[in-house]
Amino acid sequence: MRARNVRRIGHRIHTTERLDLIDRCRVGDVASRSPAQTLIDLARTESAEQLTVALDSGLRDGKFNKSLVHRRIVALRPRGRFGVPRLIDAIEGSDAIRNAHSWLECEYLRLVAVAGLALPLTQQVVTSAGGHLVRVDSRFPASPQLGPSDPSISNAIPMLDGIEK
């Protein structure tokens, strides 16, 4: 935290005289903004799609929860935060790529939505083998449930036998 004008070529440096403890963290030895604060800051410049990816990544990785993000939005909103409505849309799950676990899943879900198809269920557990869950990235609700008798799954199970527990 500094309250002075700092300039670095190729970098944008933000300074402040006050940053609440809840909005701070450390990454190694470097003082930084908390993940929730960073998400709120991203709302100013990023698209709804990028905010949804950032939100889902933070939720998946346990960096924050929706309740904390909502509380920080309420606390910080009077200070002139732009882009907050876009972030709230992302939190409410208005985008097709909601709950994707990778870039490929995001792109797949986006293309399914653009095609006008019903969105599939994502990360569906179909069975377990050797103490490990076997899942598919997506499944349309109307499609039959895969199971151990399905050749596409039973052929994959021997590959799981060598996995260390």
N, C-alpha and C. Protein backbone atom coordinates (compact mmCIF):
# COMPACT_ATOMS: atom_id res chain seq x y z
N MET A 1 0.83 -1.18 0.00
CA MET A 1 0.00 0.00 0.00
C MET A 1 0.88 1.25 0.00
N ARG A 2 0.57 2.12 -0.88
CA ARG A 2 1.24 3.41 -0.91
C ARG A 2 0.23 4.46 -1.32
N ALA A 3 0.48 5.63 -0.93
CA ALA A 3 -0.38 6.74 -1.33
C ALA A 3 0.43 7.71 -2.18
N ARG A 4 1.12 7.18 -3.16
CA ARG A 4 1.90 8.04 -4.04
C ARG A 4 1.77 7.54 -5.46
N ASN A 5 2.13 8.35 -6.40
CA ASN A 5 2.02 8.02 -7.81
C ASN A 5 3.26 7.22 -8.24
N VAL A 6 3.07 5.95 -8.61
CA VAL A 6 4.17 5.09 -9.03
C VAL A 6 3.93 4.71 -10.48
N ARG A 7 4.96 4.81 -11.31
CA ARG A 7 4.84 4.44 -12.73
C ARG A 7 5.93 3.44 -13.08
N ARG A 8 5.52 2.40 -13.82
CA ARG A 8 6.45 1.41 -14.35
C ARG A 8 6.05 1.14 -15.79
N ILE A 9 7.00 1.12 -16.70
CA ILE A 9 6.70 0.87 -18.10
C ILE A 9 6.12 -0.53 -18.24
N GLY A 10 4.98 -0.62 -18.94
CA GLY A 10 4.35 -1.91 -19.18
C GLY A 10 3.55 -2.46 -18.01
N HIS A 11 3.41 -1.71 -16.94
CA HIS A 11 2.67 -2.18 -15.77
C HIS A 11 1.69 -1.10 -15.33
N ARG A 12 0.62 -1.53 -14.73
CA ARG A 12 -0.33 -0.60 -14.12
C ARG A 12 -0.25 -0.83 -12.62
N ILE A 13 0.15 0.18 -11.90
CA ILE A 13 0.31 0.06 -10.46
C ILE A 13 -0.76 0.90 -9.79
N HIS A 14 -1.55 0.24 -8.95
CA HIS A 14 -2.61 0.93 -8.22
C HIS A 14 -2.11 1.18 -6.80
N THR A 15 -2.38 2.33 -6.29
CA THR A 15 -1.99 2.64 -4.92
C THR A 15 -3.22 3.08 -4.14
N THR A 16 -3.13 2.94 -2.85
CA THR A 16 -4.23 3.34 -1.98
C THR A 16 -3.67 3.69 -0.61
N GLU A 17 -4.39 4.49 0.11
CA GLU A 17 -4.00 4.80 1.49
C GLU A 17 -4.63 3.82 2.46
N ARG A 18 -5.68 3.11 2.01
CA ARG A 18 -6.40 2.21 2.91
C ARG A 18 -6.83 0.97 2.16
N LEU A 19 -6.50 -0.20 2.70
CA LEU A 19 -6.95 -1.47 2.14
C LEU A 19 -7.24 -2.39 3.32
N ASP A 20 -8.52 -2.73 3.50
CA ASP A 20 -8.93 -3.56 4.63
C ASP A 20 -8.18 -4.89 4.63
N LEU A 21 -7.97 -5.44 5.82
CA LEU A 21 -7.26 -6.71 5.94
C LEU A 21 -7.93 -7.81 5.11
N ILE A 22 -9.25 -7.80 5.05
CA ILE A 22 -9.97 -8.84 4.31
C ILE A 22 -9.67 -8.78 2.81
N ASP A 23 -9.19 -7.64 2.33
CA ASP A 23 -8.88 -7.47 0.91
C ASP A 23 -7.40 -7.66 0.60
N ARG A 24 -6.64 -8.14 1.56
CA ARG A 24 -5.20 -8.36 1.38
C ARG A 24 -4.86 -9.84 1.50
N CYS A 25 -3.76 -10.22 0.86
CA CYS A 25 -3.21 -11.56 1.04
C CYS A 25 -1.73 -11.51 0.68
N ARG A 26 -1.06 -12.62 0.85
CA ARG A 26 0.34 -12.73 0.45
C ARG A 26 0.47 -13.91 -0.50
N VAL A 27 1.22 -13.70 -1.55
CA VAL A 27 1.55 -14.78 -2.48
C VAL A 27 3.05 -14.94 -2.38
N GLY A 28 3.47 -15.96 -1.63
CA GLY A 28 4.89 -16.07 -1.30
C GLY A 28 5.25 -14.91 -0.40
N ASP A 29 6.23 -14.13 -0.80
CA ASP A 29 6.64 -12.96 -0.01
C ASP A 29 6.05 -11.66 -0.54
N VAL A 30 5.17 -11.73 -1.51
CA VAL A 30 4.65 -10.54 -2.16
C VAL A 30 3.26 -10.20 -1.61
N ALA A 31 3.10 -8.99 -1.14
CA ALA A 31 1.79 -8.52 -0.70
C ALA A 31 0.91 -8.32 -1.93
N SER A 32 -0.33 -8.74 -1.82
CA SER A 32 -1.23 -8.67 -2.97
C SER A 32 -2.66 -8.41 -2.50
N ARG A 33 -3.54 -8.24 -3.46
CA ARG A 33 -4.96 -8.15 -3.15
C ARG A 33 -5.52 -9.56 -3.02
N SER A 34 -6.56 -9.69 -2.24
CA SER A 34 -7.19 -11.00 -2.07
C SER A 34 -7.84 -11.44 -3.38
N PRO A 35 -8.07 -12.75 -3.56
CA PRO A 35 -8.73 -13.21 -4.78
C PRO A 35 -10.10 -12.58 -4.99
N ALA A 36 -10.90 -12.40 -3.93
CA ALA A 36 -12.22 -11.78 -4.07
C ALA A 36 -12.09 -10.33 -4.53
N GLN A 37 -11.15 -9.59 -3.95
CA GLN A 37 -10.91 -8.20 -4.35
C GLN A 37 -10.45 -8.13 -5.81
N THR A 38 -9.58 -9.06 -6.21
CA THR A 38 -9.11 -9.10 -7.59
C THR A 38 -10.27 -9.36 -8.55
N LEU A 39 -11.17 -10.29 -8.18
CA LEU A 39 -12.33 -10.57 -9.02
C LEU A 39 -13.19 -9.31 -9.19
N ILE A 40 -13.41 -8.59 -8.11
CA ILE A 40 -14.20 -7.35 -8.18
C ILE A 40 -13.50 -6.32 -9.05
N ASP A 41 -12.18 -6.23 -8.94
CA ASP A 41 -11.42 -5.30 -9.79
C ASP A 41 -11.51 -5.69 -11.26
N LEU A 42 -11.50 -7.00 -11.56
CA LEU A 42 -11.58 -7.47 -12.94
C LEU A 42 -12.92 -7.09 -13.59
N ALA A 43 -13.96 -6.94 -12.76
CA ALA A 43 -15.29 -6.62 -13.30
C ALA A 43 -15.29 -5.31 -14.07
N ARG A 44 -14.35 -4.45 -13.78
CA ARG A 44 -14.26 -3.16 -14.44
C ARG A 44 -13.88 -3.31 -15.92
N THR A 45 -13.04 -4.29 -16.25
CA THR A 45 -12.48 -4.37 -17.60
C THR A 45 -12.79 -5.65 -18.37
N GLU A 46 -13.16 -6.71 -17.68
CA GLU A 46 -13.32 -8.00 -18.35
C GLU A 46 -14.77 -8.24 -18.79
N SER A 47 -14.92 -9.11 -19.77
CA SER A 47 -16.25 -9.48 -20.28
C SER A 47 -16.96 -10.37 -19.26
N ALA A 48 -18.27 -10.51 -19.44
CA ALA A 48 -19.05 -11.40 -18.57
C ALA A 48 -18.53 -12.83 -18.66
N GLU A 49 -18.12 -13.24 -19.85
CA GLU A 49 -17.59 -14.60 -20.04
C GLU A 49 -16.30 -14.79 -19.23
N GLN A 50 -15.38 -13.83 -19.31
CA GLN A 50 -14.13 -13.93 -18.56
C GLN A 50 -14.38 -13.88 -17.05
N LEU A 51 -15.34 -13.06 -16.62
CA LEU A 51 -15.67 -13.01 -15.20
C LEU A 51 -16.23 -14.33 -14.71
N THR A 52 -17.05 -14.98 -15.53
CA THR A 52 -17.60 -16.28 -15.16
C THR A 52 -16.48 -17.31 -15.01
N VAL A 53 -15.52 -17.29 -15.92
CA VAL A 53 -14.38 -18.21 -15.83
C VAL A 53 -13.59 -17.93 -14.55
N ALA A 54 -13.31 -16.65 -14.27
CA ALA A 54 -12.55 -16.29 -13.07
C ALA A 54 -13.32 -16.67 -11.80
N LEU A 55 -14.62 -16.41 -11.80
CA LEU A 55 -15.46 -16.76 -10.65
C LEU A 55 -15.45 -18.27 -10.42
N ASP A 56 -15.71 -19.03 -11.47
CA ASP A 56 -15.75 -20.49 -11.32
C ASP A 56 -14.39 -21.05 -10.91
N SER A 57 -13.31 -20.47 -11.42
CA SER A 57 -11.97 -20.93 -11.03
C SER A 57 -11.73 -20.67 -9.54
N GLY A 58 -12.08 -19.48 -9.07
CA GLY A 58 -11.91 -19.16 -7.66
C GLY A 58 -12.76 -20.03 -6.75
N LEU A 59 -13.99 -20.29 -7.16
CA LEU A 59 -14.88 -21.17 -6.38
C LEU A 59 -14.33 -22.60 -6.35
N ARG A 60 -13.93 -23.10 -7.52
CA ARG A 60 -13.41 -24.47 -7.63
C ARG A 60 -12.14 -24.64 -6.80
N ASP A 61 -11.25 -23.63 -6.83
CA ASP A 61 -9.97 -23.73 -6.13
C ASP A 61 -10.05 -23.33 -4.66
N GLY A 62 -11.26 -22.97 -4.19
CA GLY A 62 -11.44 -22.63 -2.79
C GLY A 62 -10.85 -21.28 -2.39
N LYS A 63 -10.66 -20.38 -3.34
CA LYS A 63 -10.10 -19.07 -3.04
C LYS A 63 -11.11 -18.14 -2.39
N PHE A 64 -12.39 -18.35 -2.67
CA PHE A 64 -13.47 -17.57 -2.07
C PHE A 64 -14.76 -18.34 -2.27
N ASN A 65 -15.83 -17.86 -1.64
CA ASN A 65 -17.16 -18.42 -1.87
C ASN A 65 -18.08 -17.27 -2.30
N LYS A 66 -19.26 -17.61 -2.80
CA LYS A 66 -20.17 -16.59 -3.30
C LYS A 66 -20.57 -15.59 -2.23
N SER A 67 -20.75 -16.09 -1.01
CA SER A 67 -21.15 -15.22 0.09
C SER A 67 -20.10 -14.14 0.34
N LEU A 68 -18.83 -14.52 0.35
CA LEU A 68 -17.76 -13.55 0.56
C LEU A 68 -17.73 -12.52 -0.56
N VAL A 69 -17.86 -12.96 -1.80
CA VAL A 69 -17.84 -12.02 -2.93
C VAL A 69 -19.00 -11.04 -2.81
N HIS A 70 -20.19 -11.53 -2.47
CA HIS A 70 -21.35 -10.64 -2.28
C HIS A 70 -21.08 -9.62 -1.17
N ARG A 71 -20.53 -10.07 -0.04
CA ARG A 71 -20.25 -9.16 1.06
C ARG A 71 -19.23 -8.09 0.66
N ARG A 72 -18.21 -8.48 -0.09
CA ARG A 72 -17.20 -7.51 -0.51
C ARG A 72 -17.77 -6.53 -1.53
N ILE A 73 -18.67 -6.99 -2.41
CA ILE A 73 -19.32 -6.08 -3.36
C ILE A 73 -20.11 -5.03 -2.60
N VAL A 74 -20.87 -5.47 -1.61
CA VAL A 74 -21.69 -4.53 -0.82
C VAL A 74 -20.79 -3.54 -0.10
N ALA A 75 -19.69 -4.02 0.48
CA ALA A 75 -18.80 -3.14 1.23
C ALA A 75 -18.04 -2.16 0.32
N LEU A 76 -17.70 -2.59 -0.88
CA LEU A 76 -16.86 -1.77 -1.75
C LEU A 76 -17.66 -0.93 -2.75
N ARG A 77 -18.91 -1.25 -2.96
CA ARG A 77 -19.70 -0.58 -3.99
C ARG A 77 -19.77 0.94 -3.82
N PRO A 78 -19.91 1.45 -2.60
CA PRO A 78 -19.99 2.91 -2.47
C PRO A 78 -18.71 3.63 -2.93
N ARG A 79 -17.61 2.90 -3.10
CA ARG A 79 -16.35 3.53 -3.50
C ARG A 79 -16.23 3.68 -5.02
N GLY A 80 -17.31 3.48 -5.76
CA GLY A 80 -17.27 3.69 -7.20
C GLY A 80 -16.69 2.54 -7.99
N ARG A 81 -17.24 1.36 -7.85
CA ARG A 81 -16.77 0.18 -8.59
C ARG A 81 -17.59 0.04 -9.86
N PHE A 82 -16.93 0.08 -10.99
CA PHE A 82 -17.60 -0.11 -12.27
C PHE A 82 -17.60 -1.59 -12.62
N GLY A 83 -18.58 -2.05 -13.37
CA GLY A 83 -18.63 -3.44 -13.81
C GLY A 83 -19.30 -4.39 -12.84
N VAL A 84 -19.75 -3.88 -11.69
CA VAL A 84 -20.36 -4.76 -10.69
C VAL A 84 -21.60 -5.47 -11.23
N PRO A 85 -22.49 -4.83 -12.01
CA PRO A 85 -23.64 -5.57 -12.54
C PRO A 85 -23.22 -6.78 -13.40
N ARG A 86 -22.14 -6.64 -14.16
CA ARG A 86 -21.63 -7.75 -14.97
C ARG A 86 -21.15 -8.89 -14.06
N LEU A 87 -20.49 -8.54 -12.97
CA LEU A 87 -20.03 -9.55 -12.02
C LEU A 87 -21.22 -10.23 -11.34
N ILE A 88 -22.23 -9.47 -10.99
CA ILE A 88 -23.43 -10.06 -10.36
C ILE A 88 -24.10 -11.03 -11.34
N ASP A 89 -24.16 -10.69 -12.63
CA ASP A 89 -24.69 -11.63 -13.63
C ASP A 89 -23.88 -12.92 -13.64
N ALA A 90 -22.57 -12.80 -13.56
CA ALA A 90 -21.72 -13.99 -13.55
C ALA A 90 -21.98 -14.83 -12.31
N ILE A 91 -22.15 -14.17 -11.16
CA ILE A 91 -22.43 -14.90 -9.91
C ILE A 91 -23.77 -15.63 -10.00
N GLU A 92 -24.75 -14.99 -10.62
CA GLU A 92 -26.08 -15.59 -10.74
C GLU A 92 -26.11 -16.69 -11.80
N GLY A 93 -25.02 -16.86 -12.54
CA GLY A 93 -24.95 -17.96 -13.48
C GLY A 93 -25.70 -17.74 -14.77
N SER A 94 -25.73 -16.50 -15.26
CA SER A 94 -26.48 -16.22 -16.46
C SER A 94 -25.75 -16.63 -17.73
N ASP A 95 -24.51 -17.02 -17.60
CA ASP A 95 -23.73 -17.38 -18.78
C ASP A 95 -23.70 -18.88 -19.01
N ALA A 96 -23.58 -19.27 -20.26
CA ALA A 96 -23.60 -20.68 -20.63
C ALA A 96 -22.42 -21.46 -20.08
N ILE A 97 -21.29 -20.80 -19.88
CA ILE A 97 -20.08 -21.53 -19.49
C ILE A 97 -19.98 -21.78 -17.99
N ARG A 98 -21.03 -21.52 -17.29
CA ARG A 98 -21.08 -21.70 -15.85
C ARG A 98 -20.62 -23.10 -15.45
N ASN A 99 -19.78 -23.21 -14.46
CA ASN A 99 -19.29 -24.46 -13.86
C ASN A 99 -18.35 -25.26 -14.74
N ALA A 100 -17.80 -24.68 -15.78
CA ALA A 100 -16.82 -25.39 -16.60
C ALA A 100 -15.52 -25.50 -15.81
N HIS A 101 -14.79 -26.59 -16.04
CA HIS A 101 -13.55 -26.83 -15.30
C HIS A 101 -12.30 -26.56 -16.11
N SER A 102 -12.43 -26.25 -17.38
CA SER A 102 -11.25 -26.00 -18.21
C SER A 102 -11.64 -25.08 -19.36
N TRP A 103 -10.62 -24.61 -20.06
CA TRP A 103 -10.88 -23.77 -21.23
C TRP A 103 -11.68 -24.56 -22.26
N LEU A 104 -11.34 -25.83 -22.47
CA LEU A 104 -12.03 -26.64 -23.46
C LEU A 104 -13.51 -26.80 -23.11
N GLU A 105 -13.80 -27.05 -21.84
CA GLU A 105 -15.20 -27.14 -21.42
C GLU A 105 -15.93 -25.81 -21.62
N CYS A 106 -15.28 -24.71 -21.31
CA CYS A 106 -15.89 -23.39 -21.51
C CYS A 106 -16.26 -23.20 -22.97
N GLU A 107 -15.32 -23.51 -23.84
CA GLU A 107 -15.55 -23.34 -25.28
C GLU A 107 -16.66 -24.27 -25.77
N TYR A 108 -16.66 -25.51 -25.31
CA TYR A 108 -17.69 -26.47 -25.68
C TYR A 108 -19.08 -25.97 -25.25
N LEU A 109 -19.20 -25.53 -24.01
CA LEU A 109 -20.49 -25.04 -23.51
C LEU A 109 -20.92 -23.77 -24.23
N ARG A 110 -19.97 -22.93 -24.57
CA ARG A 110 -20.31 -21.72 -25.33
C ARG A 110 -20.86 -22.09 -26.70
N LEU A 111 -20.23 -23.05 -27.38
CA LEU A 111 -20.68 -23.47 -28.71
C LEU A 111 -22.05 -24.15 -28.65
N VAL A 112 -22.28 -24.94 -27.61
CA VAL A 112 -23.59 -25.58 -27.44
C VAL A 112 -24.66 -24.50 -27.27
N ALA A 113 -24.36 -23.46 -26.48
CA ALA A 113 -25.34 -22.39 -26.26
C ALA A 113 -25.58 -21.60 -27.55
N VAL A 114 -24.51 -21.32 -28.30
CA VAL A 114 -24.65 -20.58 -29.56
C VAL A 114 -25.49 -21.38 -30.55
N ALA A 115 -25.37 -22.71 -30.53
CA ALA A 115 -26.14 -23.56 -31.42
C ALA A 115 -27.61 -23.66 -31.00
N GLY A 116 -27.92 -23.13 -29.82
CA GLY A 116 -29.31 -23.15 -29.36
C GLY A 116 -29.73 -24.47 -28.73
N LEU A 117 -28.75 -25.31 -28.39
CA LEU A 117 -29.07 -26.59 -27.76
C LEU A 117 -29.23 -26.42 -26.25
N ALA A 118 -29.93 -27.35 -25.65
CA ALA A 118 -30.03 -27.35 -24.19
C ALA A 118 -28.65 -27.64 -23.62
N LEU A 119 -28.29 -26.96 -22.54
CA LEU A 119 -26.97 -27.17 -21.96
C LEU A 119 -26.90 -28.54 -21.29
N PRO A 120 -25.78 -29.23 -21.45
CA PRO A 120 -25.61 -30.54 -20.82
C PRO A 120 -25.27 -30.41 -19.34
N LEU A 121 -25.41 -31.50 -18.62
CA LEU A 121 -24.91 -31.58 -17.26
C LEU A 121 -23.40 -31.74 -17.35
N THR A 122 -22.65 -31.11 -16.47
CA THR A 122 -21.20 -31.21 -16.55
C THR A 122 -20.63 -32.01 -15.39
N GLN A 123 -19.45 -32.59 -15.63
CA GLN A 123 -18.70 -33.35 -14.63
C GLN A 123 -19.58 -34.41 -13.96
N GLN A 124 -20.16 -35.28 -14.77
CA GLN A 124 -21.06 -36.31 -14.27
C GLN A 124 -20.29 -37.58 -13.91
N VAL A 125 -20.42 -38.01 -12.67
CA VAL A 125 -19.79 -39.25 -12.22
C VAL A 125 -20.63 -40.40 -12.75
N VAL A 126 -19.98 -41.35 -13.44
CA VAL A 126 -20.73 -42.47 -14.03
C VAL A 126 -20.48 -43.78 -13.30
N THR A 127 -19.35 -43.93 -12.67
CA THR A 127 -19.05 -45.15 -11.92
C THR A 127 -17.79 -44.91 -11.10
N SER A 128 -17.34 -45.91 -10.40
CA SER A 128 -16.04 -45.83 -9.73
C SER A 128 -15.29 -47.13 -10.01
N ALA A 129 -14.00 -47.02 -10.03
CA ALA A 129 -13.15 -48.19 -10.30
C ALA A 129 -11.87 -48.04 -9.51
N GLY A 130 -11.53 -49.08 -8.78
CA GLY A 130 -10.29 -49.05 -8.02
C GLY A 130 -10.22 -47.91 -7.03
N GLY A 131 -11.34 -47.52 -6.46
CA GLY A 131 -11.37 -46.44 -5.50
C GLY A 131 -11.32 -45.05 -6.11
N HIS A 132 -11.43 -44.96 -7.45
CA HIS A 132 -11.41 -43.68 -8.14
C HIS A 132 -12.73 -43.46 -8.85
N LEU A 133 -13.18 -42.22 -8.86
CA LEU A 133 -14.40 -41.88 -9.59
C LEU A 133 -14.11 -41.79 -11.08
N VAL A 134 -15.04 -42.28 -11.88
CA VAL A 134 -14.95 -42.16 -13.33
C VAL A 134 -16.06 -41.20 -13.73
N ARG A 135 -15.69 -40.14 -14.43
CA ARG A 135 -16.68 -39.13 -14.79
C ARG A 135 -16.53 -38.77 -16.26
N VAL A 136 -17.62 -38.21 -16.79
CA VAL A 136 -17.60 -37.66 -18.14
C VAL A 136 -17.71 -36.15 -18.00
N ASP A 137 -17.11 -35.42 -18.95
CA ASP A 137 -17.13 -33.96 -18.88
C ASP A 137 -18.54 -33.41 -19.01
N SER A 138 -19.36 -34.04 -19.87
CA SER A 138 -20.73 -33.56 -20.03
C SER A 138 -21.64 -34.68 -20.49
N ARG A 139 -22.90 -34.53 -20.15
CA ARG A 139 -23.92 -35.50 -20.55
C ARG A 139 -25.24 -34.77 -20.67
N PHE A 140 -25.92 -35.01 -21.77
CA PHE A 140 -27.24 -34.41 -21.93
C PHE A 140 -28.24 -35.23 -21.14
N PRO A 141 -29.14 -34.58 -20.39
CA PRO A 141 -30.07 -35.32 -19.53
C PRO A 141 -30.88 -36.39 -20.26
N ALA A 142 -31.19 -36.19 -21.53
CA ALA A 142 -31.99 -37.17 -22.27
C ALA A 142 -31.18 -38.38 -22.70
N SER A 143 -29.85 -38.31 -22.62
CA SER A 143 -29.03 -39.44 -23.06
C SER A 143 -29.00 -40.50 -21.97
N PRO A 144 -28.81 -41.76 -22.37
CA PRO A 144 -28.79 -42.84 -21.37
C PRO A 144 -27.59 -42.69 -20.43
N GLN A 145 -27.77 -43.12 -19.20
CA GLN A 145 -26.69 -43.09 -18.22
C GLN A 145 -25.67 -44.15 -18.59
N LEU A 146 -24.40 -43.75 -18.65
CA LEU A 146 -23.35 -44.72 -18.92
C LEU A 146 -23.13 -45.57 -17.68
N GLY A 147 -22.70 -46.76 -17.87
CA GLY A 147 -22.44 -47.63 -16.74
C GLY A 147 -21.36 -48.63 -17.07
N PRO A 148 -21.01 -49.52 -16.12
CA PRO A 148 -19.93 -50.47 -16.33
C PRO A 148 -20.15 -51.39 -17.54
N SER A 149 -21.40 -51.60 -17.94
CA SER A 149 -21.65 -52.48 -19.09
C SER A 149 -21.44 -51.75 -20.42
N ASP A 150 -21.35 -50.43 -20.37
CA ASP A 150 -21.14 -49.65 -21.59
C ASP A 150 -19.70 -49.84 -22.05
N PRO A 151 -19.47 -50.24 -23.33
CA PRO A 151 -18.11 -50.49 -23.81
C PRO A 151 -17.18 -49.30 -23.66
N SER A 152 -17.71 -48.07 -23.80
CA SER A 152 -16.83 -46.91 -23.71
C SER A 152 -16.27 -46.74 -22.31
N ILE A 153 -17.00 -47.22 -21.29
CA ILE A 153 -16.52 -47.13 -19.92
C ILE A 153 -15.72 -48.37 -19.55
N SER A 154 -16.23 -49.55 -19.89
CA SER A 154 -15.53 -50.77 -19.48
C SER A 154 -14.16 -50.88 -20.11
N ASN A 155 -13.96 -50.27 -21.30
CA ASN A 155 -12.63 -50.28 -21.91
C ASN A 155 -11.67 -49.35 -21.16
N ALA A 156 -12.19 -48.34 -20.47
CA ALA A 156 -11.34 -47.40 -19.75
C ALA A 156 -10.95 -47.91 -18.37
N ILE A 157 -11.75 -48.80 -17.80
CA ILE A 157 -11.51 -49.27 -16.43
C ILE A 157 -10.16 -49.97 -16.28
N PRO A 158 -9.71 -50.85 -17.21
CA PRO A 158 -8.39 -51.46 -17.02
C PRO A 158 -7.26 -50.42 -16.93
N MET A 159 -7.42 -49.27 -17.58
CA MET A 159 -6.39 -48.24 -17.51
C MET A 159 -6.30 -47.66 -16.12
N LEU A 160 -7.36 -47.73 -15.35
CA LEU A 160 -7.38 -47.16 -14.00
C LEU A 160 -6.69 -48.06 -12.98
N ASP A 161 -6.50 -49.35 -13.33
CA ASP A 161 -5.92 -50.29 -12.37
C ASP A 161 -4.52 -49.89 -11.92
N GLY A 162 -3.76 -49.24 -12.79
CA GLY A 162 -2.39 -48.86 -12.45
C GLY A 162 -2.28 -47.57 -11.67
N ILE A 163 -3.37 -46.91 -11.39
CA ILE A 163 -3.33 -45.63 -10.69
C ILE A 163 -3.00 -45.85 -9.21
N GLU A 164 -1.99 -45.12 -8.73
CA GLU A 164 -1.61 -45.21 -7.32
C GLU A 164 -2.70 -44.62 -6.44
N LYS A 165 -2.94 -45.22 -5.31
CA LYS A 165 -3.95 -44.72 -4.38
C LYS A 165 -3.32 -43.86 -3.33
